[in-house]
Amino acid sequence: MDSITETLSIESYPNIRNELDRVSVAYLLCELIDTLMGEKQEHRDVYALLMHAFEAIGKASGNSLYTISREFAQQLLWALGFLPKGQVLEGKKLESFIEDITERKLKSAKLIRRLAA
C-alpha cells in the first residue's frame, strides 16, 4: 500500500475555494478522473486538462461553469479513448454515457443540479 508523506502546493486556486458553485464543479471534474481512470496510471495530458479547467473555473461566471464541466468531460472521454475524437455528446446523453461506463451515478452531478435550482 502506497502512502503520501509530504506534499507541496503548486497552486491553491483561491477563486475556486471561496464559492460553493465553483467547488462543486471542481469536485465533479475530480470525480470524473477518479472514476474513469485506473489506479496508478500516469496521464500527463489529463493532468494538463484538469489544470486548464481549474484555471477556467477560477475565472468563470454563471452558466459558463456548466460549459467548462461539459467540455472537460468530453475532452476527458476523448483523451482516455472512451469516445472517438470529434464525437460529441450533450447534456443528459453525456452524463448517461459516463454513468454507463462507471456503472454508477455521479455524486457531484446531483449536487450541481441542486445548486443551480
PDB file of N, CA and C in Angstrom:
ATOM      1  N   MET A   1       0.848  -1.181   0.000  1.00  0.00           N
ATOM      2  CA  MET A   1       0.000   0.000   0.000  1.00  0.00           C
ATOM      3  C   MET A   1       0.891   1.241   0.000  1.00  0.00           C
ATOM      4  N   ASP A   2       0.629   2.133  -0.941  1.00  0.00           N
ATOM      5  CA  ASP A   2       1.379   3.377  -1.016  1.00  0.00           C
ATOM      6  C   ASP A   2       0.859   4.370   0.007  1.00  0.00           C
ATOM      7  N   SER A   3       1.733   5.253   0.450  1.00  0.00           N
ATOM      8  CA  SER A   3       1.307   6.333   1.332  1.00  0.00           C
ATOM      9  C   SER A   3       2.054   7.605   0.954  1.00  0.00           C
ATOM     10  N   ILE A   4       1.376   8.732   1.108  1.00  0.00           N
ATOM     11  CA  ILE A   4       1.966  10.037   0.818  1.00  0.00           C
ATOM     12  C   ILE A   4       2.470  10.600   2.134  1.00  0.00           C
ATOM     13  N   THR A   5       3.736  11.007   2.157  1.00  0.00           N
ATOM     14  CA  THR A   5       4.299  11.535   3.390  1.00  0.00           C
ATOM     15  C   THR A   5       4.547  13.032   3.335  1.00  0.00           C
ATOM     16  N   GLU A   6       4.599  13.601   2.136  1.00  0.00           N
ATOM     17  CA  GLU A   6       4.865  15.025   2.026  1.00  0.00           C
ATOM     18  C   GLU A   6       4.304  15.553   0.711  1.00  0.00           C
ATOM     19  N   THR A   7       3.747  16.760   0.751  1.00  0.00           N
ATOM     20  CA  THR A   7       3.240  17.388  -0.466  1.00  0.00           C
ATOM     21  C   THR A   7       3.653  18.848  -0.502  1.00  0.00           C
ATOM     22  N   LEU A   8       3.561  19.424  -1.685  1.00  0.00           N
ATOM     23  CA  LEU A   8       3.852  20.836  -1.877  1.00  0.00           C
ATOM     24  C   LEU A   8       2.764  21.396  -2.776  1.00  0.00           C
ATOM     25  N   SER A   9       2.098  22.434  -2.316  1.00  0.00           N
ATOM     26  CA  SER A   9       1.036  23.050  -3.109  1.00  0.00           C
ATOM     27  C   SER A   9       1.659  23.920  -4.193  1.00  0.00           C
ATOM     28  N   ILE A  10       1.275  23.658  -5.434  1.00  0.00           N
ATOM     29  CA  ILE A  10       1.772  24.451  -6.555  1.00  0.00           C
ATOM     30  C   ILE A  10       0.835  25.630  -6.793  1.00  0.00           C
ATOM     31  N   GLU A  11      -0.457  25.367  -6.731  1.00  0.00           N
ATOM     32  CA  GLU A  11      -1.477  26.401  -6.935  1.00  0.00           C
ATOM     33  C   GLU A  11      -2.661  26.069  -6.041  1.00  0.00           C
ATOM     34  N   SER A  12      -3.189  27.071  -5.337  1.00  0.00           N
ATOM     35  CA  SER A  12      -4.288  26.805  -4.408  1.00  0.00           C
ATOM     36  C   SER A  12      -5.653  27.224  -4.947  1.00  0.00           C
ATOM     37  N   TYR A  13      -5.709  27.897  -6.066  1.00  0.00           N
ATOM     38  CA  TYR A  13      -6.954  28.315  -6.708  1.00  0.00           C
ATOM     39  C   TYR A  13      -7.926  28.972  -5.721  1.00  0.00           C
ATOM     40  N   PRO A  14      -7.564  30.127  -5.173  1.00  0.00           N
ATOM     41  CA  PRO A  14      -8.422  30.772  -4.170  1.00  0.00           C
ATOM     42  C   PRO A  14      -9.803  31.146  -4.686  1.00  0.00           C
ATOM     43  N   ASN A  15      -9.940  31.457  -5.974  1.00  0.00           N
ATOM     44  CA  ASN A  15     -11.257  31.812  -6.519  1.00  0.00           C
ATOM     45  C   ASN A  15     -12.198  30.616  -6.537  1.00  0.00           C
ATOM     46  N   ILE A  16     -11.644  29.425  -6.603  1.00  0.00           N
ATOM     47  CA  ILE A  16     -12.486  28.223  -6.574  1.00  0.00           C
ATOM     48  C   ILE A  16     -12.889  27.918  -5.139  1.00  0.00           C
ATOM     49  N   ARG A  17     -11.963  28.002  -4.228  1.00  0.00           N
ATOM     50  CA  ARG A  17     -12.203  27.597  -2.840  1.00  0.00           C
ATOM     51  C   ARG A  17     -13.222  28.459  -2.116  1.00  0.00           C
ATOM     52  N   ASN A  18     -13.482  29.665  -2.599  1.00  0.00           N
ATOM     53  CA  ASN A  18     -14.345  30.590  -1.881  1.00  0.00           C
ATOM     54  C   ASN A  18     -15.798  30.589  -2.330  1.00  0.00           C
ATOM     55  N   GLU A  19     -16.161  29.803  -3.353  1.00  0.00           N
ATOM     56  CA  GLU A  19     -17.538  29.792  -3.843  1.00  0.00           C
ATOM     57  C   GLU A  19     -18.009  28.354  -4.061  1.00  0.00           C
ATOM     58  N   LEU A  20     -19.123  28.027  -3.467  1.00  0.00           N
ATOM     59  CA  LEU A  20     -19.631  26.648  -3.482  1.00  0.00           C
ATOM     60  C   LEU A  20     -19.914  26.141  -4.894  1.00  0.00           C
ATOM     61  N   ASP A  21     -20.434  26.993  -5.774  1.00  0.00           N
ATOM     62  CA  ASP A  21     -20.722  26.522  -7.129  1.00  0.00           C
ATOM     63  C   ASP A  21     -19.441  26.156  -7.871  1.00  0.00           C
ATOM     64  N   ARG A  22     -18.364  26.899  -7.650  1.00  0.00           N
ATOM     65  CA  ARG A  22     -17.078  26.585  -8.272  1.00  0.00           C
ATOM     66  C   ARG A  22     -16.474  25.310  -7.665  1.00  0.00           C
ATOM     67  N   VAL A  23     -16.596  25.175  -6.360  1.00  0.00           N
ATOM     68  CA  VAL A  23     -16.095  23.978  -5.676  1.00  0.00           C
ATOM     69  C   VAL A  23     -16.815  22.741  -6.199  1.00  0.00           C
ATOM     70  N   SER A  24     -18.130  22.832  -6.384  1.00  0.00           N
ATOM     71  CA  SER A  24     -18.891  21.669  -6.838  1.00  0.00           C
ATOM     72  C   SER A  24     -18.493  21.252  -8.254  1.00  0.00           C
ATOM     73  N   VAL A  25     -18.213  22.215  -9.127  1.00  0.00           N
ATOM     74  CA  VAL A  25     -17.775  21.879 -10.484  1.00  0.00           C
ATOM     75  C   VAL A  25     -16.370  21.266 -10.435  1.00  0.00           C
ATOM     76  N   ALA A  26     -15.485  21.827  -9.630  1.00  0.00           N
ATOM     77  CA  ALA A  26     -14.133  21.261  -9.484  1.00  0.00           C
ATOM     78  C   ALA A  26     -14.210  19.837  -8.936  1.00  0.00           C
ATOM     79  N   TYR A  27     -15.120  19.599  -7.993  1.00  0.00           N
ATOM     80  CA  TYR A  27     -15.303  18.259  -7.444  1.00  0.00           C
ATOM     81  C   TYR A  27     -15.777  17.290  -8.529  1.00  0.00           C
ATOM     82  N   LEU A  28     -16.691  17.756  -9.389  1.00  0.00           N
ATOM     83  CA  LEU A  28     -17.177  16.919 -10.487  1.00  0.00           C
ATOM     84  C   LEU A  28     -16.019  16.501 -11.385  1.00  0.00           C
ATOM     85  N   LEU A  29     -15.138  17.433 -11.735  1.00  0.00           N
ATOM     86  CA  LEU A  29     -14.000  17.111 -12.593  1.00  0.00           C
ATOM     87  C   LEU A  29     -13.103  16.063 -11.942  1.00  0.00           C
ATOM     88  N   CYS A  30     -12.867  16.209 -10.654  1.00  0.00           N
ATOM     89  CA  CYS A  30     -12.040  15.228  -9.933  1.00  0.00           C
ATOM     90  C   CYS A  30     -12.739  13.875  -9.850  1.00  0.00           C
ATOM     91  N   GLU A  31     -14.058  13.895  -9.656  1.00  0.00           N
ATOM     92  CA  GLU A  31     -14.808  12.638  -9.612  1.00  0.00           C
ATOM     93  C   GLU A  31     -14.737  11.925 -10.963  1.00  0.00           C
ATOM     94  N   LEU A  32     -14.832  12.676 -12.050  1.00  0.00           N
ATOM     95  CA  LEU A  32     -14.737  12.082 -13.378  1.00  0.00           C
ATOM     96  C   LEU A  32     -13.391  11.391 -13.573  1.00  0.00           C
ATOM     97  N   ILE A  33     -12.325  12.074 -13.194  1.00  0.00           N
ATOM     98  CA  ILE A  33     -10.989  11.488 -13.329  1.00  0.00           C
ATOM     99  C   ILE A  33     -10.870  10.249 -12.452  1.00  0.00           C
ATOM    100  N   ASP A  34     -11.342  10.352 -11.226  1.00  0.00           N
ATOM    101  CA  ASP A  34     -11.230   9.236 -10.291  1.00  0.00           C
ATOM    102  C   ASP A  34     -11.980   8.000 -10.786  1.00  0.00           C
ATOM    103  N   THR A  35     -13.153   8.201 -11.377  1.00  0.00           N
ATOM    104  CA  THR A  35     -13.949   7.047 -11.795  1.00  0.00           C
ATOM    105  C   THR A  35     -13.565   6.511 -13.170  1.00  0.00           C
ATOM    106  N   LEU A  36     -13.034   7.357 -14.039  1.00  0.00           N
ATOM    107  CA  LEU A  36     -12.731   6.923 -15.401  1.00  0.00           C
ATOM    108  C   LEU A  36     -11.302   6.418 -15.593  1.00  0.00           C
ATOM    109  N   MET A  37     -10.405   6.793 -14.706  1.00  0.00           N
ATOM    110  CA  MET A  37      -9.009   6.354 -14.847  1.00  0.00           C
ATOM    111  C   MET A  37      -8.703   5.228 -13.880  1.00  0.00           C
ATOM    112  N   GLY A  38      -7.874   4.320 -14.323  1.00  0.00           N
ATOM    113  CA  GLY A  38      -7.422   3.245 -13.453  1.00  0.00           C
ATOM    114  C   GLY A  38      -6.406   3.757 -12.444  1.00  0.00           C
ATOM    115  N   GLU A  39      -6.234   2.993 -11.390  1.00  0.00           N
ATOM    116  CA  GLU A  39      -5.251   3.369 -10.367  1.00  0.00           C
ATOM    117  C   GLU A  39      -3.837   3.324 -10.929  1.00  0.00           C
ATOM    118  N   LYS A  40      -3.017   4.214 -10.430  1.00  0.00           N
ATOM    119  CA  LYS A  40      -1.584   4.287 -10.748  1.00  0.00           C
ATOM    120  C   LYS A  40      -1.313   4.470 -12.244  1.00  0.00           C
ATOM    121  N   GLN A  41      -2.209   5.136 -12.933  1.00  0.00           N
ATOM    122  CA  GLN A  41      -1.988   5.461 -14.337  1.00  0.00           C
ATOM    123  C   GLN A  41      -1.470   6.883 -14.437  1.00  0.00           C
ATOM    124  N   GLU A  42      -0.380   7.062 -15.126  1.00  0.00           N
ATOM    125  CA  GLU A  42       0.129   8.412 -15.364  1.00  0.00           C
ATOM    126  C   GLU A  42      -0.441   8.881 -16.685  1.00  0.00           C
ATOM    127  N   HIS A  43      -1.047  10.037 -16.661  1.00  0.00           N
ATOM    128  CA  HIS A  43      -1.656  10.603 -17.863  1.00  0.00           C
ATOM    129  C   HIS A  43      -1.407  12.110 -17.825  1.00  0.00           C
ATOM    130  N   ARG A  44      -0.287  12.533 -18.341  1.00  0.00           N
ATOM    131  CA  ARG A  44       0.084  13.946 -18.278  1.00  0.00           C
ATOM    132  C   ARG A  44      -0.906  14.846 -19.007  1.00  0.00           C
ATOM    133  N   ASP A  45      -1.483  14.363 -20.099  1.00  0.00           N
ATOM    134  CA  ASP A  45      -2.447  15.192 -20.821  1.00  0.00           C
ATOM    135  C   ASP A  45      -3.730  15.383 -20.009  1.00  0.00           C
ATOM    136  N   VAL A  46      -4.118  14.407 -19.213  1.00  0.00           N
ATOM    137  CA  VAL A  46      -5.287  14.557 -18.345  1.00  0.00           C
ATOM    138  C   VAL A  46      -4.975  15.549 -17.226  1.00  0.00           C
ATOM    139  N   TYR A  47      -3.770  15.495 -16.689  1.00  0.00           N
ATOM    140  CA  TYR A  47      -3.357  16.458 -15.663  1.00  0.00           C
ATOM    141  C   TYR A  47      -3.397  17.879 -16.242  1.00  0.00           C
ATOM    142  N   ALA A  48      -2.850  18.071 -17.431  1.00  0.00           N
ATOM    143  CA  ALA A  48      -2.847  19.391 -18.069  1.00  0.00           C
ATOM    144  C   ALA A  48      -4.285  19.855 -18.332  1.00  0.00           C
ATOM    145  N   LEU A  49      -5.139  18.944 -18.746  1.00  0.00           N
ATOM    146  CA  LEU A  49      -6.547  19.249 -18.991  1.00  0.00           C
ATOM    147  C   LEU A  49      -7.221  19.714 -17.698  1.00  0.00           C
ATOM    148  N   LEU A  50      -6.935  19.037 -16.596  1.00  0.00           N
ATOM    149  CA  LEU A  50      -7.512  19.406 -15.301  1.00  0.00           C
ATOM    150  C   LEU A  50      -7.019  20.772 -14.836  1.00  0.00           C
ATOM    151  N   MET A  51      -5.736  21.039 -14.965  1.00  0.00           N
ATOM    152  CA  MET A  51      -5.187  22.335 -14.545  1.00  0.00           C
ATOM    153  C   MET A  51      -5.777  23.473 -15.382  1.00  0.00           C
ATOM    154  N   HIS A  52      -5.934  23.243 -16.669  1.00  0.00           N
ATOM    155  CA  HIS A  52      -6.544  24.250 -17.542  1.00  0.00           C
ATOM    156  C   HIS A  52      -8.001  24.507 -17.118  1.00  0.00           C
ATOM    157  N   ALA A  53      -8.724  23.432 -16.801  1.00  0.00           N
ATOM    158  CA  ALA A  53     -10.117  23.560 -16.367  1.00  0.00           C
ATOM    159  C   ALA A  53     -10.215  24.303 -15.043  1.00  0.00           C
ATOM    160  N   PHE A  54      -9.320  24.020 -14.105  1.00  0.00           N
ATOM    161  CA  PHE A  54      -9.322  24.740 -12.827  1.00  0.00           C
ATOM    162  C   PHE A  54      -9.089  26.231 -13.031  1.00  0.00           C
ATOM    163  N   GLU A  55      -8.175  26.580 -13.913  1.00  0.00           N
ATOM    164  CA  GLU A  55      -7.935  27.995 -14.215  1.00  0.00           C
ATOM    165  C   GLU A  55      -9.199  28.641 -14.782  1.00  0.00           C
ATOM    166  N   ALA A  56      -9.876  27.931 -15.682  1.00  0.00           N
ATOM    167  CA  ALA A  56     -11.103  28.454 -16.287  1.00  0.00           C
ATOM    168  C   ALA A  56     -12.213  28.595 -15.246  1.00  0.00           C
ATOM    169  N   ILE A  57     -12.319  27.636 -14.343  1.00  0.00           N
ATOM    170  CA  ILE A  57     -13.338  27.706 -13.278  1.00  0.00           C
ATOM    171  C   ILE A  57     -13.087  28.925 -12.399  1.00  0.00           C
ATOM    172  N   GLY A  58     -11.840  29.200 -12.102  1.00  0.00           N
ATOM    173  CA  GLY A  58     -11.496  30.346 -11.270  1.00  0.00           C
ATOM    174  C   GLY A  58     -11.871  31.677 -11.896  1.00  0.00           C
ATOM    175  N   LYS A  59     -11.937  31.736 -13.219  1.00  0.00           N
ATOM    176  CA  LYS A  59     -12.249  32.981 -13.929  1.00  0.00           C
ATOM    177  C   LYS A  59     -13.699  33.044 -14.417  1.00  0.00           C
ATOM    178  N   ALA A  60     -14.401  31.935 -14.379  1.00  0.00           N
ATOM    179  CA  ALA A  60     -15.731  31.824 -14.988  1.00  0.00           C
ATOM    180  C   ALA A  60     -16.814  32.492 -14.151  1.00  0.00           C
ATOM    181  N   SER A  61     -17.957  32.679 -14.805  1.00  0.00           N
ATOM    182  CA  SER A  61     -19.129  33.195 -14.098  1.00  0.00           C
ATOM    183  C   SER A  61     -20.388  32.543 -14.658  1.00  0.00           C
ATOM    184  N   GLY A  62     -21.386  32.411 -13.824  1.00  0.00           N
ATOM    185  CA  GLY A  62     -22.700  31.928 -14.233  1.00  0.00           C
ATOM    186  C   GLY A  62     -22.705  30.603 -14.961  1.00  0.00           C
ATOM    187  N   ASN A  63     -23.407  30.576 -16.102  1.00  0.00           N
ATOM    188  CA  ASN A  63     -23.593  29.353 -16.872  1.00  0.00           C
ATOM    189  C   ASN A  63     -22.312  28.832 -17.499  1.00  0.00           C
ATOM    190  N   SER A  64     -21.273  29.643 -17.567  1.00  0.00           N
ATOM    191  CA  SER A  64     -20.028  29.167 -18.168  1.00  0.00           C
ATOM    192  C   SER A  64     -19.401  28.049 -17.337  1.00  0.00           C
ATOM    193  N   LEU A  65     -19.740  27.943 -16.061  1.00  0.00           N
ATOM    194  CA  LEU A  65     -19.252  26.833 -15.235  1.00  0.00           C
ATOM    195  C   LEU A  65     -19.763  25.508 -15.774  1.00  0.00           C
ATOM    196  N   TYR A  66     -21.031  25.491 -16.194  1.00  0.00           N
ATOM    197  CA  TYR A  66     -21.607  24.276 -16.775  1.00  0.00           C
ATOM    198  C   TYR A  66     -20.875  23.932 -18.074  1.00  0.00           C
ATOM    199  N   THR A  67     -20.603  24.933 -18.894  1.00  0.00           N
ATOM    200  CA  THR A  67     -19.904  24.725 -20.159  1.00  0.00           C
ATOM    201  C   THR A  67     -18.513  24.153 -19.928  1.00  0.00           C
ATOM    202  N   ILE A  68     -17.819  24.670 -18.934  1.00  0.00           N
ATOM    203  CA  ILE A  68     -16.473  24.180 -18.611  1.00  0.00           C
ATOM    204  C   ILE A  68     -16.535  22.709 -18.217  1.00  0.00           C
ATOM    205  N   SER A  69     -17.488  22.333 -17.365  1.00  0.00           N
ATOM    206  CA  SER A  69     -17.573  20.935 -16.914  1.00  0.00           C
ATOM    207  C   SER A  69     -17.932  20.012 -18.072  1.00  0.00           C
ATOM    208  N   ARG A  70     -18.838  20.438 -18.949  1.00  0.00           N
ATOM    209  CA  ARG A  70     -19.242  19.628 -20.097  1.00  0.00           C
ATOM    210  C   ARG A  70     -18.072  19.446 -21.065  1.00  0.00           C
ATOM    211  N   GLU A  71     -17.365  20.529 -21.355  1.00  0.00           N
ATOM    212  CA  GLU A  71     -16.212  20.438 -22.264  1.00  0.00           C
ATOM    213  C   GLU A  71     -15.105  19.571 -21.669  1.00  0.00           C
ATOM    214  N   PHE A  72     -14.892  19.687 -20.362  1.00  0.00           N
ATOM    215  CA  PHE A  72     -13.882  18.865 -19.698  1.00  0.00           C
ATOM    216  C   PHE A  72     -14.239  17.385 -19.817  1.00  0.00           C
ATOM    217  N   ALA A  73     -15.488  17.051 -19.523  1.00  0.00           N
ATOM    218  CA  ALA A  73     -15.926  15.646 -19.588  1.00  0.00           C
ATOM    219  C   ALA A  73     -15.733  15.104 -21.000  1.00  0.00           C
ATOM    220  N   GLN A  74     -16.100  15.896 -21.988  1.00  0.00           N
ATOM    221  CA  GLN A  74     -15.963  15.475 -23.381  1.00  0.00           C
ATOM    222  C   GLN A  74     -14.497  15.232 -23.735  1.00  0.00           C
ATOM    223  N   GLN A  75     -13.625  16.171 -23.380  1.00  0.00           N
ATOM    224  CA  GLN A  75     -12.204  16.040 -23.682  1.00  0.00           C
ATOM    225  C   GLN A  75     -11.566  14.885 -22.916  1.00  0.00           C
ATOM    226  N   LEU A  76     -12.021  14.645 -21.692  1.00  0.00           N
ATOM    227  CA  LEU A  76     -11.504  13.527 -20.908  1.00  0.00           C
ATOM    228  C   LEU A  76     -11.873  12.195 -21.570  1.00  0.00           C
ATOM    229  N   LEU A  77     -13.099  12.076 -22.032  1.00  0.00           N
ATOM    230  CA  LEU A  77     -13.523  10.853 -22.720  1.00  0.00           C
ATOM    231  C   LEU A  77     -12.691  10.615 -23.978  1.00  0.00           C
ATOM    232  N   TRP A  78     -12.366  11.687 -24.705  1.00  0.00           N
ATOM    233  CA  TRP A  78     -11.517  11.563 -25.894  1.00  0.00           C
ATOM    234  C   TRP A  78     -10.110  11.137 -25.500  1.00  0.00           C
ATOM    235  N   ALA A  79      -9.550  11.793 -24.476  1.00  0.00           N
ATOM    236  CA  ALA A  79      -8.167  11.511 -24.053  1.00  0.00           C
ATOM    237  C   ALA A  79      -8.001  10.078 -23.566  1.00  0.00           C
ATOM    238  N   LEU A  80      -9.024   9.541 -22.913  1.00  0.00           N
ATOM    239  CA  LEU A  80      -8.937   8.189 -22.360  1.00  0.00           C
ATOM    240  C   LEU A  80      -9.419   7.114 -23.335  1.00  0.00           C
ATOM    241  N   GLY A  81      -9.885   7.534 -24.506  1.00  0.00           N
ATOM    242  CA  GLY A  81     -10.286   6.587 -25.540  1.00  0.00           C
ATOM    243  C   GLY A  81     -11.680   6.010 -25.390  1.00  0.00           C
ATOM    244  N   PHE A  82     -12.530   6.626 -24.564  1.00  0.00           N
ATOM    245  CA  PHE A  82     -13.895   6.137 -24.413  1.00  0.00           C
ATOM    246  C   PHE A  82     -14.793   6.584 -25.561  1.00  0.00           C
ATOM    247  N   LEU A  83     -14.403   7.670 -26.232  1.00  0.00           N
ATOM    248  CA  LEU A  83     -15.138   8.185 -27.382  1.00  0.00           C
ATOM    249  C   LEU A  83     -14.159   8.511 -28.495  1.00  0.00           C
ATOM    250  N   PRO A  84     -14.564   8.305 -29.738  1.00  0.00           N
ATOM    251  CA  PRO A  84     -13.699   8.730 -30.837  1.00  0.00           C
ATOM    252  C   PRO A  84     -13.579  10.255 -30.846  1.00  0.00           C
ATOM    253  N   LYS A  85     -12.391  10.746 -31.108  1.00  0.00           N
ATOM    254  CA  LYS A  85     -12.143  12.188 -31.158  1.00  0.00           C
ATOM    255  C   LYS A  85     -13.118  12.819 -32.146  1.00  0.00           C
ATOM    256  N   GLY A  86     -13.802  13.854 -31.692  1.00  0.00           N
ATOM    257  CA  GLY A  86     -14.759  14.552 -32.538  1.00  0.00           C
ATOM    258  C   GLY A  86     -16.204  14.178 -32.273  1.00  0.00           C
ATOM    259  N   GLN A  87     -16.456  13.003 -31.692  1.00  0.00           N
ATOM    260  CA  GLN A  87     -17.835  12.630 -31.359  1.00  0.00           C
ATOM    261  C   GLN A  87     -18.255  13.411 -30.120  1.00  0.00           C
ATOM    262  N   VAL A  88     -19.369  14.115 -30.221  1.00  0.00           N
ATOM    263  CA  VAL A  88     -19.811  14.998 -29.143  1.00  0.00           C
ATOM    264  C   VAL A  88     -21.122  14.484 -28.558  1.00  0.00           C
ATOM    265  N   LEU A  89     -21.164  14.444 -27.236  1.00  0.00           N
ATOM    266  CA  LEU A  89     -22.395  14.100 -26.512  1.00  0.00           C
ATOM    267  C   LEU A  89     -22.819  15.324 -25.709  1.00  0.00           C
ATOM    268  N   GLU A  90     -24.103  15.579 -25.640  1.00  0.00           N
ATOM    269  CA  GLU A  90     -24.619  16.754 -24.944  1.00  0.00           C
ATOM    270  C   GLU A  90     -25.474  16.363 -23.739  1.00  0.00           C
ATOM    271  N   GLY A  91     -25.496  17.225 -22.745  1.00  0.00           N
ATOM    272  CA  GLY A  91     -26.394  17.141 -21.605  1.00  0.00           C
ATOM    273  C   GLY A  91     -26.536  15.772 -20.977  1.00  0.00           C
ATOM    274  N   LYS A  92     -27.779  15.301 -20.909  1.00  0.00           N
ATOM    275  CA  LYS A  92     -28.087  14.019 -20.263  1.00  0.00           C
ATOM    276  C   LYS A  92     -27.416  12.838 -20.962  1.00  0.00           C
ATOM    277  N   LYS A  93     -27.234  12.927 -22.285  1.00  0.00           N
ATOM    278  CA  LYS A  93     -26.571  11.844 -23.010  1.00  0.00           C
ATOM    279  C   LYS A  93     -25.131  11.691 -22.530  1.00  0.00           C
ATOM    280  N   LEU A  94     -24.463  12.821 -22.293  1.00  0.00           N
ATOM    281  CA  LEU A  94     -23.084  12.783 -21.800  1.00  0.00           C
ATOM    282  C   LEU A  94     -23.037  12.173 -20.406  1.00  0.00           C
ATOM    283  N   GLU A  95     -23.906  12.635 -19.527  1.00  0.00           N
ATOM    284  CA  GLU A  95     -23.952  12.110 -18.156  1.00  0.00           C
ATOM    285  C   GLU A  95     -24.294  10.623 -18.154  1.00  0.00           C
ATOM    286  N   SER A  96     -25.277  10.218 -18.949  1.00  0.00           N
ATOM    287  CA  SER A  96     -25.672   8.806 -19.020  1.00  0.00           C
ATOM    288  C   SER A  96     -24.548   7.935 -19.573  1.00  0.00           C
ATOM    289  N   PHE A  97     -23.832   8.448 -20.566  1.00  0.00           N
ATOM    290  CA  PHE A  97     -22.718   7.708 -21.152  1.00  0.00           C
ATOM    291  C   PHE A  97     -21.644   7.444 -20.095  1.00  0.00           C
ATOM    292  N   ILE A  98     -21.309   8.457 -19.317  1.00  0.00           N
ATOM    293  CA  ILE A  98     -20.296   8.312 -18.267  1.00  0.00           C
ATOM    294  C   ILE A  98     -20.786   7.340 -17.196  1.00  0.00           C
ATOM    295  N   GLU A  99     -22.044   7.452 -16.811  1.00  0.00           N
ATOM    296  CA  GLU A  99     -22.588   6.557 -15.785  1.00  0.00           C
ATOM    297  C   GLU A  99     -22.661   5.116 -16.278  1.00  0.00           C
ATOM    298  N   ASP A 100     -22.862   4.918 -17.572  1.00  0.00           N
ATOM    299  CA  ASP A 100     -22.839   3.566 -18.132  1.00  0.00           C
ATOM    300  C   ASP A 100     -21.430   2.976 -18.057  1.00  0.00           C
ATOM    301  N   ILE A 101     -20.425   3.797 -18.320  1.00  0.00           N
ATOM    302  CA  ILE A 101     -19.033   3.329 -18.249  1.00  0.00           C
ATOM    303  C   ILE A 101     -18.655   2.976 -16.818  1.00  0.00           C
ATOM    304  N   THR A 102     -18.993   3.866 -15.885  1.00  0.00           N
ATOM    305  CA  THR A 102     -18.582   3.686 -14.494  1.00  0.00           C
ATOM    306  C   THR A 102     -19.505   2.752 -13.716  1.00  0.00           C
ATOM    307  N   GLU A 103     -20.678   2.489 -14.282  1.00  0.00           N
ATOM    308  CA  GLU A 103     -21.687   1.632 -13.656  1.00  0.00           C
ATOM    309  C   GLU A 103     -22.149   2.155 -12.303  1.00  0.00           C
ATOM    310  N   ARG A 104     -22.187   3.487 -12.202  1.00  0.00           N
ATOM    311  CA  ARG A 104     -22.740   4.119 -11.003  1.00  0.00           C
ATOM    312  C   ARG A 104     -23.091   5.570 -11.315  1.00  0.00           C
ATOM    313  N   LYS A 105     -23.951   6.142 -10.498  1.00  0.00           N
ATOM    314  CA  LYS A 105     -24.363   7.538 -10.658  1.00  0.00           C
ATOM    315  C   LYS A 105     -23.238   8.461 -10.197  1.00  0.00           C
ATOM    316  N   LEU A 106     -23.130   9.616 -10.857  1.00  0.00           N
ATOM    317  CA  LEU A 106     -22.161  10.623 -10.437  1.00  0.00           C
ATOM    318  C   LEU A 106     -22.734  11.380  -9.243  1.00  0.00           C
ATOM    319  N   LYS A 107     -22.016  11.395  -8.143  1.00  0.00           N
ATOM    320  CA  LYS A 107     -22.495  12.057  -6.936  1.00  0.00           C
ATOM    321  C   LYS A 107     -22.532  13.569  -7.105  1.00  0.00           C
ATOM    322  N   SER A 108     -21.501  14.119  -7.719  1.00  0.00           N
ATOM    323  CA  SER A 108     -21.395  15.565  -7.826  1.00  0.00           C
ATOM    324  C   SER A 108     -22.391  16.157  -8.809  1.00  0.00           C
ATOM    325  N   ALA A 109     -22.847  15.416  -9.802  1.00  0.00           N
ATOM    326  CA  ALA A 109     -23.834  15.927 -10.754  1.00  0.00           C
ATOM    327  C   ALA A 109     -25.122  16.292 -10.036  1.00  0.00           C
ATOM    328  N   LYS A 110     -25.524  15.488  -9.073  1.00  0.00           N
ATOM    329  CA  LYS A 110     -26.727  15.759  -8.278  1.00  0.00           C
ATOM    330  C   LYS A 110     -26.535  17.038  -7.456  1.00  0.00           C
ATOM    331  N   LEU A 111     -25.369  17.230  -6.883  1.00  0.00           N
ATOM    332  CA  LEU A 111     -25.066  18.426  -6.101  1.00  0.00           C
ATOM    333  C   LEU A 111     -25.138  19.677  -6.980  1.00  0.00           C
ATOM    334  N   ILE A 112     -24.577  19.593  -8.177  1.00  0.00           N
ATOM    335  CA  ILE A 112     -24.575  20.740  -9.077  1.00  0.00           C
ATOM    336  C   ILE A 112     -25.996  21.115  -9.489  1.00  0.00           C
ATOM    337  N   ARG A 113     -26.827  20.125  -9.771  1.00  0.00           N
ATOM    338  CA  ARG A 113     -28.225  20.415 -10.120  1.00  0.00           C
ATOM    339  C   ARG A 113     -28.959  21.072  -8.962  1.00  0.00           C
ATOM    340  N   ARG A 114     -28.665  20.653  -7.754  1.00  0.00           N
ATOM    341  CA  ARG A 114     -29.295  21.240  -6.575  1.00  0.00           C
ATOM    342  C   ARG A 114     -28.888  22.697  -6.392  1.00  0.00           C
ATOM    343  N   LEU A 115     -27.616  23.002  -6.630  1.00  0.00           N
ATOM    344  CA  LEU A 115     -27.133  24.377  -6.503  1.00  0.00           C
ATOM    345  C   LEU A 115     -27.718  25.295  -7.578  1.00  0.00           C
ATOM    346  N   ALA A 116     -27.928  24.737  -8.766  1.00  0.00           N
ATOM    347  CA  ALA A 116     -28.450  25.535  -9.882  1.00  0.00           C
ATOM    348  C   ALA A 116     -29.932  25.868  -9.702  1.00  0.00           C
ATOM    349  N   ALA A 117     -30.637  25.066  -8.913  1.00  0.00           N
ATOM    350  CA  ALA A 117     -32.086  25.272  -8.727  1.00  0.00           C
ATOM    351  C   ALA A 117     -32.397  26.476  -7.860  1.00  0.00           C
TER     352      ALA A 117
END
